[in-house]
Amino acid sequence: MAPAVNCGTYRCRTARACCWRAAAAAAVMRQDLGPATETPRHHRLKGSLAHGTHRGQTCEQWQIEVTGGGRIWYLLDTARDTCWITFAGTGHPRATDRG
């Protein structure tokens, strides 16, 4: 199944390689929600951002770095065998600027 990404949108036209990298990461997430090995661009968040809650379930929170500032954050819900996107943006998330 091909990733559901419209690479004709403005963001994908301006950062096509990054868009495809994010689409590839989304395809991997469909098969294995948490990567076996973390990479600099796909890893668990740390500290107070390491976990989040969705529908009463506490889940690990992961990040995919799409561009230098663009990020996708998602909760890894192993109980429901799915992931929940908590943040997707082109700018660096301010929540990581603490401390």
Foldseek 3Di string as FASTA:
>chain_A
DFFPDDCVDPVCVVQVVLSVVVSVVVVVCLVPVADPDADPQKAWDDDPRQWDDDPRDIFGKMWGHSDPAWIWIWGCDVVVSHIGTDDTDDGHDCVVVDD
